[in-house]
Structures are given as C-alpha cells and as structure tokens.
Amino acid sequence: MYKLLGLDIDGTLLNNSNKISEKNKKFISLLNERDVKVVLISGREPSSIRHFNWELNLKNPIVGLNGGIITDHSGDKIFYEKCMDEIDAKKTIELGEKFNMCSMVFIRNSLYVANKKDKRFELFVKHSNSPTEEIGTLSEYLEKNKLWSSINKILLADNNENLLEYRRNLEKETGNKLAMEFSLPFFLEIYDSNVSKGNALIKLGNILNIHKEEMIIVGDGENDITMIDYAGIGVAMGNAPESVKNMADYITLSNDEDGVSHVIQKFWNV
C-alpha cells in the first residue's frame, strides 16, 4: 500500500496557467480522506509553497529549496536545513555578476535580487508568491551583512543557452561541490551538492515513518530525478524532458492534462 504521494509543483501539480486544476484538487482530496500523505516537494521556498498546502487542505511537511529545507505545513517550523558553502556561494554570485545574470538568493523564506526591474526577474515572479527584497549589487550586500554562510539556494533566470554557458564556467571553478540543475529551461538552480530532493525523501521518510517502497513521486524537471529514482514508484510527467522520463518507472500525462490525477487514479484506484 502506498502511503505517500510526493509532488513537484511547477510543471507537475500546476498547469501551464500556474493553477491547480479542479480535477487535481478533487483527487488529492480523495487521498486526504484515505490518510495518504500528500507532500509538496519543490525548488520554491517554503513561504511560496504553503499557500498551495492551504489551497489543498494539506497538513503535511513541506520540502522546499530542492530538498535544502524541510518545514512543518506552515513553512515556519524547520525540521532540517542545509546551506551552501560560503566560498562556493561567493563564486556563484560573483561569476553571475561577471556574466550579467539575473540571480535570486534564497535564505530560508527571504529572497533577494539586485534589480526588480530586470525583465528576467519579472519571469521569476510568475513562479513565486513571496516578497523579494531589491538590494542592489548582491555580492556587496551579502558581504556587508555577513550572509554568505546562510544561503540555501541561488537561482539564475535567463535564456537556456546563456545559462548553459554560465554552468560550464561555474563547474570549472567549483568542481563537483555544487548541484546545478534546471527546474525549467530558463531557471538554473544552484545549491550544495549534498542537497537533493532524493536525500530529502530519506529525511522525510524518517519524520513520517514511511519507507521508500511506500512512496510514489511525480516530477518533471532535472531537479526531480533524484527523488524519482529513490521512490518506490517514480513518475515523470508527460511534459518532462527525456532525461527525466528515462529515469521513471511510469510516465503520466502532461501537467495540462491532469497528469497528477491520472497517477492517483492508476495507483490508488480512486
């Protein structure tokens, strides 16, 4: 019997209008009635995830920042947290400034950006509901306020070609000390290499006393591969790239075709 359904948010739970469909709400509610734990697992910060918990009437922990933080359902009480190494965080930000990237810095539920008028930031806002503080040059602000060791994640927004070039250069500077994964083709997410959604599932299982064989996980991005690989049943969305589909036990419909509802119907017979 499967006791947990773990869902990525963007490109998985949400359709292309960034909404939870009424059909997905209905089938998730049916799982709630069966005491199945529905857990949202995202690259977003907890404060940007919790309103989906409220919308779905979920009281389960939140896994945010690609597994870098686990909180209670409110997003406030922290069960687990992992930050970036200070030196690697500096290299990431300073190289981003050299490449004229639009970088967002995540410190728990606080977000920072250099310039809110940047068109690339406006794209990011469509995928986050949390207030973001405009601080000017990121490296100067982080140094002045001694925040380098407090960074959970750095997200860069740009076109895919520019982000790929940036990633190649950062890999040369940091080796394998950082995870660098695309959550969407125009979002490159960077965090400590020990952080992953898969590793977070291990910790989540301990918190909820649920074994990996009792978990079904659904995702669509590169940052979902570790949890798809870890779970008893790993599901890729129909809109996922081939690299994600190749790691999955099952491929469902796309996010615009209520792929999450299809998974619930198939594996829980509701």
Protein backbone atom coordinates (compact mmCIF):
# COMPACT_ATOMS: atom_id res chain seq x y z
CA MET A 1 0.00 0.00 0.00
CA TYR A 2 1.34 3.42 -0.96
CA LYS A 3 1.27 5.86 1.97
CA LEU A 4 2.81 8.97 0.41
CA LEU A 5 2.40 10.93 -2.80
CA GLY A 6 5.20 13.46 -3.32
CA LEU A 7 4.53 16.16 -5.88
CA ASP A 8 6.74 18.69 -7.56
CA ILE A 9 4.85 21.95 -8.09
CA ASP A 10 5.84 23.84 -11.26
CA GLY A 11 5.25 21.77 -14.37
CA THR A 12 3.69 18.98 -12.30
CA LEU A 13 0.95 19.99 -9.86
CA LEU A 14 0.37 23.30 -11.65
CA ASN A 15 -0.85 23.54 -15.23
CA ASN A 16 0.63 25.95 -17.75
CA SER A 17 -1.56 28.71 -16.32
CA ASN A 18 0.20 28.16 -12.97
CA LYS A 19 -3.04 26.91 -11.40
CA ILE A 20 -4.10 23.70 -9.67
CA SER A 21 -6.89 22.25 -11.79
CA GLU A 22 -10.20 21.37 -10.18
CA LYS A 23 -9.65 17.75 -11.17
CA ASN A 24 -6.32 17.60 -9.38
CA LYS A 25 -7.89 19.21 -6.30
CA LYS A 26 -10.64 16.59 -6.33
CA PHE A 27 -8.33 13.58 -6.49
CA ILE A 28 -5.87 14.96 -3.95
CA SER A 29 -8.84 15.47 -1.61
CA LEU A 30 -9.76 11.81 -2.07
CA LEU A 31 -6.24 10.81 -1.00
CA ASN A 32 -6.57 13.04 2.07
CA GLU A 33 -9.71 11.14 3.00
CA ARG A 34 -7.72 7.89 2.81
CA ASP A 35 -4.98 9.31 5.09
CA VAL A 36 -2.40 9.22 2.31
CA LYS A 37 0.28 11.84 2.94
CA VAL A 38 0.41 14.28 0.01
CA VAL A 39 3.67 16.22 0.28
CA LEU A 40 4.73 19.14 -1.91
CA ILE A 41 8.42 18.96 -2.88
CA SER A 42 9.73 21.97 -4.74
CA GLY A 43 12.61 24.26 -5.54
CA ARG A 44 10.47 27.08 -4.17
CA GLU A 45 10.98 28.49 -0.69
CA PRO A 46 8.51 27.28 2.00
CA SER A 47 6.62 30.59 2.10
CA SER A 48 5.88 30.17 -1.62
CA ILE A 49 4.70 26.58 -1.11
CA ARG A 50 2.47 26.87 1.93
CA HIS A 51 -0.41 28.63 0.17
CA PHE A 52 -0.74 25.53 -2.03
CA ASN A 53 -0.93 23.48 1.19
CA TRP A 54 -3.75 25.77 2.32
CA GLU A 55 -5.49 25.53 -1.05
CA LEU A 56 -5.38 21.71 -0.89
CA ASN A 57 -6.08 21.49 2.86
CA LEU A 58 -2.79 19.68 3.48
CA LYS A 59 -1.27 19.45 6.96
CA ASN A 60 1.89 17.61 5.93
CA PRO A 61 5.51 18.81 5.95
CA ILE A 62 6.87 21.00 3.17
CA VAL A 63 10.07 20.15 1.30
CA GLY A 64 11.49 23.32 -0.22
CA LEU A 65 14.60 24.69 -1.92
CA ASN A 66 15.16 21.40 -3.78
CA GLY A 67 15.45 19.49 -0.52
CA GLY A 68 17.58 22.10 1.24
CA ILE A 69 14.88 22.71 3.85
CA ILE A 70 12.05 20.71 5.42
CA THR A 71 9.45 22.51 7.49
CA ASP A 72 6.04 21.88 9.01
CA HIS A 73 2.94 22.57 6.92
CA SER A 74 3.05 26.29 7.77
CA GLY A 75 6.58 26.73 6.43
CA ASP A 76 7.74 28.25 9.72
CA LYS A 77 8.99 25.41 11.94
CA ILE A 78 12.21 23.98 10.48
CA PHE A 79 12.92 20.24 10.75
CA TYR A 80 16.03 20.22 8.54
CA GLU A 81 18.18 22.77 6.70
CA LYS A 82 21.38 22.71 4.61
CA CYS A 83 23.16 25.85 3.35
CA MET A 84 25.76 26.40 0.65
CA ASP A 85 29.46 26.55 1.45
CA GLU A 86 30.47 30.20 1.85
CA ILE A 87 33.30 30.10 -0.72
CA ASP A 88 31.14 28.37 -3.33
CA ALA A 89 28.30 30.82 -2.75
CA LYS A 90 30.70 33.71 -3.39
CA LYS A 91 31.97 32.14 -6.61
CA THR A 92 28.40 31.57 -7.79
CA ILE A 93 27.27 35.14 -7.19
CA GLU A 94 30.45 36.84 -8.42
CA LEU A 95 30.52 34.80 -11.65
CA GLY A 96 26.84 35.64 -12.15
CA GLU A 97 27.65 39.33 -11.85
CA LYS A 98 30.50 38.92 -14.32
CA PHE A 99 28.10 37.24 -16.80
CA ASN A 100 25.40 39.87 -16.13
CA MET A 101 22.99 37.18 -14.92
CA CYS A 102 19.77 37.81 -13.04
CA SER A 103 20.39 35.99 -9.75
CA MET A 104 17.97 35.40 -6.88
CA VAL A 105 19.34 34.50 -3.45
CA PHE A 106 17.22 32.31 -1.14
CA ILE A 107 17.81 32.46 2.62
CA ARG A 108 15.04 30.44 4.28
CA ASN A 109 11.85 32.37 3.45
CA SER A 110 13.69 35.55 2.40
CA LEU A 111 14.50 36.33 -1.24
CA TYR A 112 16.96 38.90 -2.57
CA VAL A 113 17.56 40.29 -6.06
CA ALA A 114 19.70 43.11 -7.40
CA ASN A 115 17.09 44.79 -9.61
CA LYS A 116 13.35 44.11 -9.67
CA LYS A 117 13.01 45.92 -13.00
CA ASP A 118 15.08 43.25 -14.75
CA LYS A 119 12.79 41.50 -17.29
CA ARG A 120 14.22 38.15 -16.21
CA PHE A 121 13.09 38.80 -12.65
CA GLU A 122 9.58 39.50 -13.92
CA LEU A 123 9.59 35.98 -15.35
CA PHE A 124 10.60 34.60 -11.97
CA VAL A 125 7.77 36.44 -10.19
CA LYS A 126 5.26 34.30 -12.09
CA HIS A 127 6.59 31.29 -10.17
CA SER A 128 6.87 32.75 -6.67
CA ASN A 129 4.43 34.33 -4.26
CA SER A 130 6.98 35.51 -1.72
CA PRO A 131 8.11 39.12 -1.28
CA THR A 132 11.56 39.76 -2.74
CA GLU A 133 13.86 42.48 -1.46
CA GLU A 134 15.75 44.60 -4.00
CA ILE A 135 19.24 45.18 -2.63
CA GLY A 136 21.47 46.41 -5.45
CA THR A 137 24.75 44.57 -6.05
CA LEU A 138 24.27 41.15 -4.45
CA SER A 139 27.90 40.48 -3.56
CA GLU A 140 28.22 43.81 -1.74
CA TYR A 141 25.02 43.30 0.26
CA LEU A 142 25.83 39.71 1.23
CA GLU A 143 29.34 40.70 2.31
CA LYS A 144 28.17 43.72 4.30
CA ASN A 145 25.52 41.71 6.15
CA LYS A 146 27.66 38.58 6.60
CA LEU A 147 25.11 36.35 4.89
CA TRP A 148 27.37 34.18 2.70
CA SER A 149 27.10 31.16 5.01
CA SER A 150 23.30 31.46 5.30
CA ILE A 151 22.40 30.92 1.62
CA ASN A 152 20.21 27.89 0.89
CA LYS A 153 19.98 28.30 -2.87
CA ILE A 154 20.79 30.63 -5.75
CA LEU A 155 18.54 30.75 -8.81
CA LEU A 156 19.56 32.30 -12.12
CA ALA A 157 17.00 33.33 -14.73
CA ASP A 158 18.00 33.75 -18.37
CA ASN A 159 17.68 32.01 -21.72
CA ASN A 160 18.81 28.39 -21.75
CA GLU A 161 21.88 28.95 -23.92
CA ASN A 162 23.30 31.64 -21.61
CA LEU A 163 22.61 29.52 -18.54
CA LEU A 164 24.37 26.51 -20.05
CA GLU A 165 27.45 28.63 -20.76
CA TYR A 166 27.38 30.00 -17.21
CA ARG A 167 27.05 26.48 -15.77
CA ARG A 168 30.06 25.24 -17.74
CA ASN A 169 32.16 28.08 -16.35
CA LEU A 170 30.98 27.62 -12.77
CA GLU A 171 31.69 23.89 -12.94
CA LYS A 172 35.30 24.71 -13.85
CA GLU A 173 35.62 26.90 -10.75
CA THR A 174 33.84 24.71 -8.20
CA GLY A 175 34.24 21.13 -9.48
CA ASN A 176 31.56 18.81 -8.15
CA LYS A 177 30.86 20.75 -4.94
CA LEU A 178 27.60 22.24 -6.22
CA ALA A 179 24.40 20.85 -7.68
CA MET A 180 23.38 22.80 -10.79
CA GLU A 181 20.04 21.74 -12.19
CA PHE A 182 17.32 23.19 -14.38
CA SER A 183 13.88 23.32 -12.80
CA LEU A 184 12.61 24.94 -16.00
CA PRO A 185 14.63 25.65 -19.17
CA PHE A 186 15.04 29.29 -18.13
CA PHE A 187 15.75 28.66 -14.41
CA LEU A 188 19.11 27.26 -13.26
CA GLU A 189 19.11 26.35 -9.57
CA ILE A 190 22.36 26.04 -7.62
CA TYR A 191 22.86 24.61 -4.14
CA ASP A 192 25.13 22.35 -2.09
CA SER A 193 25.83 19.03 -3.83
CA ASN A 194 24.63 17.13 -0.75
CA VAL A 195 21.20 18.70 -1.18
CA SER A 196 18.67 16.94 -3.38
CA LYS A 197 15.02 16.06 -3.39
CA GLY A 198 16.06 12.41 -3.15
CA ASN A 199 18.08 12.97 0.03
CA ALA A 200 15.19 14.99 1.44
CA LEU A 201 12.89 12.00 0.91
CA ILE A 202 15.12 9.93 3.18
CA LYS A 203 14.76 12.52 5.94
CA LEU A 204 11.04 12.93 5.23
CA GLY A 205 10.53 9.18 5.49
CA ASN A 206 12.15 9.22 8.91
CA ILE A 207 9.93 12.10 10.03
CA LEU A 208 6.73 10.40 8.83
CA ASN A 209 7.83 6.78 9.41
CA ILE A 210 7.22 5.89 5.76
CA HIS A 211 9.52 3.59 3.76
CA LYS A 212 10.70 4.37 0.23
CA GLU A 213 8.69 1.42 -1.13
CA GLU A 214 5.54 3.14 0.16
CA MET A 215 6.24 6.36 -1.77
CA ILE A 216 5.06 7.49 -5.19
CA ILE A 217 6.82 10.59 -6.51
CA VAL A 218 5.86 12.75 -9.51
CA GLY A 219 8.03 15.37 -11.21
CA ASP A 220 9.06 16.94 -14.48
CA GLY A 221 12.47 18.63 -14.06
CA GLU A 222 16.14 17.73 -13.75
CA ASN A 223 15.92 18.57 -10.06
CA ASP A 224 13.27 15.83 -9.69
CA ILE A 225 15.45 12.97 -10.96
CA THR A 226 16.93 12.04 -7.57
CA MET A 227 13.52 11.67 -5.94
CA ILE A 228 12.07 9.83 -8.94
CA ASP A 229 14.98 7.42 -8.70
CA TYR A 230 14.65 6.98 -4.92
CA ALA A 231 10.92 6.32 -4.56
CA GLY A 232 9.16 3.00 -4.79
CA ILE A 233 7.40 4.34 -7.88
CA GLY A 234 8.96 7.29 -9.68
CA VAL A 235 6.71 9.04 -12.17
CA ALA A 236 7.67 11.51 -14.88
CA MET A 237 5.19 13.98 -16.30
CA GLY A 238 4.35 13.78 -19.99
CA ASN A 239 5.85 17.26 -20.39
CA ALA A 240 9.17 16.22 -18.80
CA PRO A 241 12.38 16.08 -20.88
CA GLU A 242 13.71 12.70 -21.97
CA SER A 243 16.43 12.77 -19.30
CA VAL A 244 13.71 12.68 -16.63
CA LYS A 245 11.46 10.19 -18.43
CA ASN A 246 14.38 7.79 -18.81
CA MET A 247 14.70 7.57 -15.00
CA ALA A 248 11.00 6.99 -14.33
CA ASP A 249 9.07 3.79 -13.62
CA TYR A 250 5.99 5.29 -15.21
CA ILE A 251 5.17 8.25 -17.45
CA THR A 252 1.87 10.00 -16.84
CA LEU A 253 0.01 12.65 -18.82
CA SER A 254 1.23 16.24 -19.04
CA ASN A 255 0.53 18.95 -16.48
CA ASP A 256 -2.11 20.43 -18.79
CA GLU A 257 -3.81 17.01 -18.99
CA ASP A 258 -4.08 16.48 -15.21
CA GLY A 259 -1.19 14.04 -15.07
CA VAL A 260 -1.28 14.05 -11.25
CA SER A 261 -4.93 12.93 -11.22
CA HIS A 262 -4.05 10.16 -13.66
CA VAL A 263 -1.38 8.87 -11.25
CA ILE A 264 -3.82 8.88 -8.32
CA GLN A 265 -6.43 7.03 -10.32
CA LYS A 266 -3.94 4.41 -11.52
CA PHE A 267 -2.13 3.62 -8.28
CA TRP A 268 -4.87 4.19 -5.69
CA ASN A 269 -7.85 3.04 -7.78
CA VAL A 270 -10.00 6.03 -6.89
